[in-house]
């Protein structure tokens, strides 16, 4: 079924962003580049990004893989990815042929998003508000993997749309089916609003010199070692509260139209990507950090790792609120997608909407 509307003129088609036509090739190019890097490291090249144990238990998941095994795994995954990308350029008729590329693409992208980034991404974003910037090769590698994950995720989306005969650009079909995320958008948004509140409450307590969930001596030592400790607690706690308020905009009217008291832009429509992009970036960083924290908490609680010299041994206040980060990040990401689906207009390619 062809969803290209004959009523659209050539000028409108030229202006339309034709990302579905090149996203698969971008995913294959990324795989070739990253696979080549890992082949270089596998052969003894310098700069292997996962040989980094300074964060101990709370480092990225792949840090715990031996260097040689990690290199073999990524070279193999990237080579398979290139082959899958070639297959995805032409939709298959058989069910197995269709679902294997979809499953591989989603699995590869989720692995890149969840198992490679660690807590440093969200920490760097938070410390930027304190005008502290710490960027290194390890973080650049994580960002590059996130970009690759997004390429493969979007390639999978386009391929799914092709195989079910939907518009490649918007995913709509002629039956006018409503995406299920729109129905769950309000619930997902409220989860994303309330999930960071325990973390903010702990931070505000420490800022007021209340040793909630930790040994009082730990709080005194922390304050002595860091002259900016009180300011840091206020900023981190406030970021969670302000972020929660902004997240409400995904389901409120002021998230669609700027309030009239806004200078210059009051009464104008909020650009969709102005809400979706920041929410998605934060969701990725929070989800990755939340998975690392959850794994660390469960591993230490199961005595898989010693609790000496790690922050978990100081009390529930240091790590307890982090257990909410994983649902926070997932809910925020899905809420952003629901917001996009709810606000998007008529498709410039198929004319549906």
Protein backbone atom coordinates (compact mmCIF):
# COMPACT_ATOMS: atom_id res chain seq x y z
CA UNK A 1 0.00 0.00 0.00
CA UNK A 2 1.45 3.38 -1.02
CA UNK A 3 0.82 6.18 1.46
CA UNK A 4 2.37 8.96 -0.65
CA UNK A 5 -0.39 11.48 -1.24
CA UNK A 6 -0.78 12.54 -4.92
CA UNK A 7 -2.03 15.92 -3.72
CA UNK A 8 1.35 16.89 -2.33
CA UNK A 9 3.35 19.02 -4.74
CA UNK A 10 7.04 18.60 -5.45
CA UNK A 11 8.01 21.62 -3.35
CA UNK A 12 6.36 20.16 -0.23
CA UNK A 13 8.08 16.82 -0.80
CA UNK A 14 11.47 18.51 -1.22
CA UNK A 15 11.07 20.41 2.04
CA UNK A 16 9.95 17.34 3.94
CA UNK A 17 12.61 15.66 6.06
CA UNK A 18 13.24 12.31 4.40
CA UNK A 19 15.07 10.64 7.31
CA UNK A 20 13.46 7.18 6.80
CA UNK A 21 15.32 6.88 3.48
CA UNK A 22 18.78 7.22 5.03
CA UNK A 23 18.48 6.13 8.65
CA UNK A 24 19.22 2.47 7.85
CA UNK A 25 22.42 3.41 6.05
CA UNK A 26 23.41 5.65 8.96
CA UNK A 27 22.99 2.69 11.33
CA UNK A 28 25.17 0.49 9.11
CA UNK A 29 27.84 3.21 8.81
CA UNK A 30 27.89 3.62 12.59
CA UNK A 31 28.30 -0.15 13.00
CA UNK A 32 31.20 -0.18 10.53
CA UNK A 33 32.95 2.65 12.39
CA UNK A 34 32.42 1.24 15.87
CA UNK A 35 33.21 -2.29 14.80
CA UNK A 36 36.42 -1.04 13.23
CA UNK A 37 37.37 0.72 16.47
CA UNK A 38 36.84 -2.43 18.49
CA UNK A 39 38.84 -4.45 15.98
CA UNK A 40 41.68 -1.96 16.46
CA UNK A 41 41.44 -2.33 20.25
CA UNK A 42 41.17 -6.10 19.94
CA UNK A 43 44.47 -6.13 18.06
CA UNK A 44 46.17 -4.23 20.87
CA UNK A 45 45.41 -0.61 20.03
CA UNK A 46 45.41 1.99 22.80
CA UNK A 47 42.33 3.73 24.17
CA UNK A 48 39.99 0.84 24.99
CA UNK A 49 37.07 2.76 26.56
CA UNK A 50 35.76 0.12 28.98
CA UNK A 51 38.99 -0.55 30.83
CA UNK A 52 37.88 1.73 33.61
CA UNK A 53 37.38 0.50 37.15
CA UNK A 54 37.59 3.79 39.03
CA UNK A 55 33.85 3.72 39.72
CA UNK A 56 33.92 0.17 41.07
CA UNK A 57 30.54 -1.50 41.39
CA UNK A 58 28.69 1.46 39.88
CA UNK A 59 30.57 1.59 36.59
CA UNK A 60 29.09 0.68 33.21
CA UNK A 61 27.93 -2.91 32.81
CA UNK A 62 30.46 -3.74 30.08
CA UNK A 63 33.33 -2.59 32.32
CA UNK A 64 33.11 -5.99 34.00
CA UNK A 65 33.84 -7.78 30.68
CA UNK A 66 37.48 -8.75 30.03
CA UNK A 67 39.03 -6.61 27.32
CA UNK A 68 39.46 -9.40 24.77
CA UNK A 69 35.95 -10.75 25.25
CA UNK A 70 34.47 -7.27 24.99
CA UNK A 71 36.29 -6.64 21.72
CA UNK A 72 35.14 -9.91 20.18
CA UNK A 73 31.54 -9.29 21.28
CA UNK A 74 31.34 -5.79 19.78
CA UNK A 75 33.10 -6.69 16.52
CA UNK A 76 30.66 -9.59 16.09
CA UNK A 77 27.60 -7.52 16.94
CA UNK A 78 28.59 -4.75 14.57
CA UNK A 79 29.28 -7.18 11.70
CA UNK A 80 25.91 -8.85 12.22
CA UNK A 81 24.35 -5.39 12.39
CA UNK A 82 25.72 -4.48 8.96
CA UNK A 83 24.24 -7.67 7.52
CA UNK A 84 20.90 -7.00 9.22
CA UNK A 85 20.92 -3.44 7.88
CA UNK A 86 21.32 -4.75 4.32
CA UNK A 87 18.42 -7.16 4.83
CA UNK A 88 16.23 -4.36 6.23
CA UNK A 89 16.49 -2.32 3.05
CA UNK A 90 13.97 -4.67 1.45
CA UNK A 91 10.99 -5.78 3.59
CA UNK A 92 10.57 -9.54 3.74
CA UNK A 93 7.31 -11.45 3.34
CA UNK A 94 8.02 -14.34 5.70
CA UNK A 95 7.28 -13.80 9.38
CA UNK A 96 10.68 -15.04 10.58
CA UNK A 97 12.49 -12.88 8.03
CA UNK A 98 10.60 -9.84 9.24
CA UNK A 99 10.87 -10.32 12.98
CA UNK A 100 14.50 -11.36 13.25
CA UNK A 101 15.86 -7.99 11.97
CA UNK A 102 13.38 -6.16 14.19
CA UNK A 103 14.33 -8.15 17.28
CA UNK A 104 18.05 -7.76 16.60
CA UNK A 105 17.81 -4.02 15.93
CA UNK A 106 15.81 -3.33 19.10
CA UNK A 107 18.00 -5.64 21.18
CA UNK A 108 21.22 -4.05 19.91
CA UNK A 109 19.95 -0.51 20.45
CA UNK A 110 18.68 -1.23 23.97
CA UNK A 111 21.99 -2.90 24.87
CA UNK A 112 23.88 0.17 23.69
CA UNK A 113 21.58 2.44 25.70
CA UNK A 114 21.44 0.46 28.93
CA UNK A 115 24.70 -1.42 29.33
CA UNK A 116 27.33 1.08 28.13
CA UNK A 117 26.45 4.47 29.70
CA UNK A 118 27.03 4.83 33.43
CA UNK A 119 26.33 7.43 36.09
CA UNK A 120 28.83 9.94 34.74
CA UNK A 121 26.49 11.23 32.05
CA UNK A 122 23.76 12.31 34.45
CA UNK A 123 26.41 13.57 36.90
CA UNK A 124 27.99 15.72 34.18
CA UNK A 125 24.59 17.16 33.29
CA UNK A 126 23.88 18.01 36.94
CA UNK A 127 27.32 19.45 37.69
CA UNK A 128 27.03 21.68 34.62
CA UNK A 129 24.57 23.75 36.65
CA UNK A 130 27.41 24.30 39.12
CA UNK A 131 29.65 25.35 36.21
CA UNK A 132 31.76 22.21 36.60
CA UNK A 133 32.53 20.39 33.39
CA UNK A 134 34.32 17.05 33.30
CA UNK A 135 34.44 15.51 29.84
CA UNK A 136 36.74 12.68 28.81
CA UNK A 137 37.14 9.87 26.26
CA UNK A 138 35.01 7.45 28.29
CA UNK A 139 32.04 9.83 28.16
CA UNK A 140 32.59 10.53 24.45
CA UNK A 141 32.42 6.79 23.81
CA UNK A 142 29.15 6.60 25.75
CA UNK A 143 27.64 9.44 23.73
CA UNK A 144 28.76 7.79 20.48
CA UNK A 145 27.07 4.55 21.57
CA UNK A 146 23.87 6.43 22.42
CA UNK A 147 23.89 7.95 18.92
CA UNK A 148 24.31 4.47 17.46
CA UNK A 149 21.48 3.18 19.61
CA UNK A 150 19.17 5.91 18.31
CA UNK A 151 20.17 5.13 14.71
CA UNK A 152 19.34 1.45 15.14
CA UNK A 153 16.15 2.20 17.04
CA UNK A 154 14.85 4.50 14.31
CA UNK A 155 15.94 2.03 11.62
CA UNK A 156 13.90 -0.65 13.39
CA UNK A 157 10.88 1.67 13.58
CA UNK A 158 11.06 2.41 9.84
CA UNK A 159 11.42 -1.29 9.01
CA UNK A 160 8.44 -2.17 11.21
CA UNK A 161 6.35 0.44 9.43
CA UNK A 162 7.37 -0.92 6.05
CA UNK A 163 6.47 -4.49 6.96
CA UNK A 164 3.02 -3.55 8.23
CA UNK A 165 2.37 -1.27 5.22
CA UNK A 166 2.21 1.93 7.25
CA UNK A 167 3.59 5.35 6.39
CA UNK A 168 7.37 5.30 6.94
CA UNK A 169 7.36 8.89 8.19
CA UNK A 170 4.57 8.88 10.77
CA UNK A 171 3.59 5.21 11.20
CA UNK A 172 -0.08 5.89 10.55
CA UNK A 173 -2.36 3.57 8.65
CA UNK A 174 -5.69 4.22 6.99
CA UNK A 175 -7.59 2.60 9.87
CA UNK A 176 -6.79 5.60 12.11
CA UNK A 177 -5.62 3.49 15.05
CA UNK A 178 -4.56 5.58 18.08
CA UNK A 179 -1.06 4.75 19.48
CA UNK A 180 -1.47 3.09 22.87
CA UNK A 181 1.09 5.46 24.43
CA UNK A 182 -1.36 8.32 24.05
CA UNK A 183 -3.82 6.46 26.29
CA UNK A 184 -1.09 5.90 28.91
CA UNK A 185 0.53 9.31 28.56
CA UNK A 186 -0.95 10.87 31.71
CA UNK A 187 -0.06 7.92 33.96
CA UNK A 188 3.48 7.72 32.60
CA UNK A 189 3.95 11.45 33.08
CA UNK A 190 2.82 11.33 36.71
CA UNK A 191 5.27 8.49 37.43
CA UNK A 192 8.05 10.61 35.94
CA UNK A 193 6.96 13.58 38.07
CA UNK A 194 6.93 11.79 41.43
CA UNK A 195 9.79 9.30 41.01
CA UNK A 196 12.63 11.83 41.67
CA UNK A 197 10.96 13.32 44.77
CA UNK A 198 12.59 10.86 47.26
CA UNK A 199 16.01 11.79 45.91
CA UNK A 200 15.22 15.50 46.17
CA UNK A 201 13.94 15.05 49.74
CA UNK A 202 17.19 13.36 50.79
CA UNK A 203 19.28 16.09 49.17
CA UNK A 204 17.32 18.87 50.84
CA UNK A 205 17.66 17.10 54.20
CA UNK A 206 21.44 16.96 53.83
CA UNK A 207 21.51 20.61 52.77
CA UNK A 208 19.79 21.42 56.08
CA UNK A 209 22.40 19.29 57.91
CA UNK A 210 19.87 16.57 58.73
CA UNK A 211 21.64 13.17 58.37
CA UNK A 212 18.61 11.41 56.96
CA UNK A 213 19.50 7.83 56.05
CA UNK A 214 23.23 8.21 56.73
CA UNK A 215 25.60 8.26 59.65
CA UNK A 216 26.01 11.83 61.01
CA UNK A 217 29.78 11.49 60.78
CA UNK A 218 29.51 10.68 57.06
CA UNK A 219 27.61 13.91 56.49
CA UNK A 220 30.16 15.92 58.50
CA UNK A 221 33.07 14.36 56.63
CA UNK A 222 31.41 14.98 53.31
CA UNK A 223 30.79 18.62 54.15
CA UNK A 224 34.37 19.07 55.34
CA UNK A 225 35.85 17.50 52.22
CA UNK A 226 33.67 19.55 49.87
CA UNK A 227 33.18 23.27 50.70
CA UNK A 228 30.41 23.38 48.06
CA UNK A 229 28.53 20.45 49.64
CA UNK A 230 25.53 22.47 50.85
CA UNK A 231 25.19 24.28 47.52
CA UNK A 232 25.49 20.99 45.66
CA UNK A 233 22.68 19.44 47.70
CA UNK A 234 20.37 22.41 47.08
CA UNK A 235 21.12 22.40 43.34
CA UNK A 236 20.67 18.64 42.88
CA UNK A 237 17.44 18.60 44.86
CA UNK A 238 16.10 21.65 43.05
CA UNK A 239 16.89 20.14 39.64
CA UNK A 240 14.65 17.18 40.49
CA UNK A 241 11.79 19.43 41.59
CA UNK A 242 12.09 21.80 38.64
CA UNK A 243 12.42 18.84 36.29
CA UNK A 244 9.26 17.33 37.75
CA UNK A 245 7.36 20.59 37.22
CA UNK A 246 8.56 20.83 33.62
CA UNK A 247 7.58 17.19 33.09
CA UNK A 248 4.01 18.15 34.01
CA UNK A 249 4.01 20.26 30.87
CA UNK A 250 3.76 17.05 28.86
CA UNK A 251 0.11 16.77 29.93
CA UNK A 252 -0.77 20.40 30.71
CA UNK A 253 -2.02 23.18 28.44
CA UNK A 254 1.03 25.35 29.17
CA UNK A 255 3.12 22.53 27.71
CA UNK A 256 1.43 23.16 24.36
CA UNK A 257 1.01 26.94 24.38
CA UNK A 258 3.33 29.37 26.16
CA UNK A 259 1.51 31.26 28.96
CA UNK A 260 0.52 34.79 27.99
CA UNK A 261 2.79 36.33 30.63
CA UNK A 262 5.88 34.95 28.84
CA UNK A 263 7.72 37.87 27.20
CA UNK A 264 7.75 37.85 23.38
CA UNK A 265 6.49 34.26 23.00
CA UNK A 266 3.40 34.31 25.23
CA UNK A 267 0.40 32.72 23.51
CA UNK A 268 2.50 30.98 20.86
CA UNK A 269 2.56 27.22 20.44
CA UNK A 270 5.37 25.34 22.13
CA UNK A 271 7.53 23.62 19.48
CA UNK A 272 7.12 19.87 19.94
CA UNK A 273 10.86 19.17 19.90
CA UNK A 274 11.47 21.82 22.56
CA UNK A 275 9.80 19.43 25.00
CA UNK A 276 10.63 16.07 23.44
CA UNK A 277 14.40 16.48 22.97
CA UNK A 278 15.33 17.60 26.53
CA UNK A 279 13.00 15.00 28.05
CA UNK A 280 14.49 12.26 25.88
CA UNK A 281 18.09 13.22 26.72
CA UNK A 282 17.36 13.24 30.44
CA UNK A 283 15.40 9.98 30.15
CA UNK A 284 18.33 8.19 28.50
CA UNK A 285 20.84 9.43 31.10
CA UNK A 286 18.55 8.68 34.07
CA UNK A 287 17.59 5.22 32.78
CA UNK A 288 21.23 4.22 32.23
CA UNK A 289 22.25 5.51 35.67
CA UNK A 290 19.19 3.91 37.26
CA UNK A 291 20.06 0.52 35.80
CA UNK A 292 23.64 0.80 37.11
CA UNK A 293 22.42 1.86 40.56
CA UNK A 294 19.81 -0.91 40.70
CA UNK A 295 22.35 -3.52 39.66
CA UNK A 296 24.79 -2.22 42.27
CA UNK A 297 22.22 -2.22 45.05
CA UNK A 298 21.00 -5.74 44.26
CA UNK A 299 24.53 -7.09 43.83
CA UNK A 300 25.69 -5.63 47.14
CA UNK A 301 22.52 -6.73 48.93
CA UNK A 302 23.09 -10.26 47.60
CA UNK A 303 26.71 -10.12 48.81
CA UNK A 304 28.01 -10.64 45.30
CA UNK A 305 30.43 -7.79 45.96
CA UNK A 306 32.04 -6.64 49.22
CA UNK A 307 30.39 -3.64 50.82
CA UNK A 308 33.65 -2.19 52.12
CA UNK A 309 34.72 1.16 50.72
CA UNK A 310 31.60 1.70 48.65
CA UNK A 311 28.98 4.33 49.25
CA UNK A 312 26.29 1.72 49.83
CA UNK A 313 27.80 0.87 53.22
CA UNK A 314 27.00 4.35 54.57
CA UNK A 315 23.26 3.78 54.93
CA UNK A 316 20.06 3.63 52.95
CA UNK A 317 20.05 7.38 52.34
CA UNK A 318 22.97 7.27 49.92
CA UNK A 319 21.48 4.74 47.52
CA UNK A 320 17.87 4.08 48.53
CA UNK A 321 16.28 6.87 46.46
CA UNK A 322 18.21 5.68 43.38
CA UNK A 323 15.98 2.62 43.17
CA UNK A 324 13.35 4.94 41.68
CA UNK A 325 15.63 6.18 38.91
CA UNK A 326 15.03 3.29 36.53
CA UNK A 327 11.22 3.68 36.49
CA UNK A 328 11.73 7.45 36.42
CA UNK A 329 13.83 7.32 33.24
CA UNK A 330 11.64 4.77 31.46
CA UNK A 331 8.44 6.64 32.32
CA UNK A 332 9.91 9.98 31.23
CA UNK A 333 11.04 8.59 27.88
CA UNK A 334 7.67 6.99 27.15
CA UNK A 335 5.82 10.11 28.33
CA UNK A 336 7.86 12.21 25.88
CA UNK A 337 6.93 9.85 23.03
CA UNK A 338 3.25 10.02 24.07
CA UNK A 339 3.45 13.83 24.05
CA UNK A 340 4.90 13.72 20.54
CA UNK A 341 2.20 11.38 19.27
CA UNK A 342 -0.53 13.50 20.85
CA UNK A 343 0.65 16.79 19.39
CA UNK A 344 1.92 15.83 15.95
CA UNK A 345 -0.14 17.17 13.08
CA UNK A 346 -1.01 15.91 9.65
CA UNK A 347 1.76 13.91 8.02
CA UNK A 348 3.40 15.76 5.12
CA UNK A 349 4.00 12.48 3.32
CA UNK A 350 0.79 10.46 3.59
CA UNK A 351 -1.59 13.29 4.48
CA UNK A 352 -3.16 11.35 7.35
CA UNK A 353 -3.74 13.04 10.71
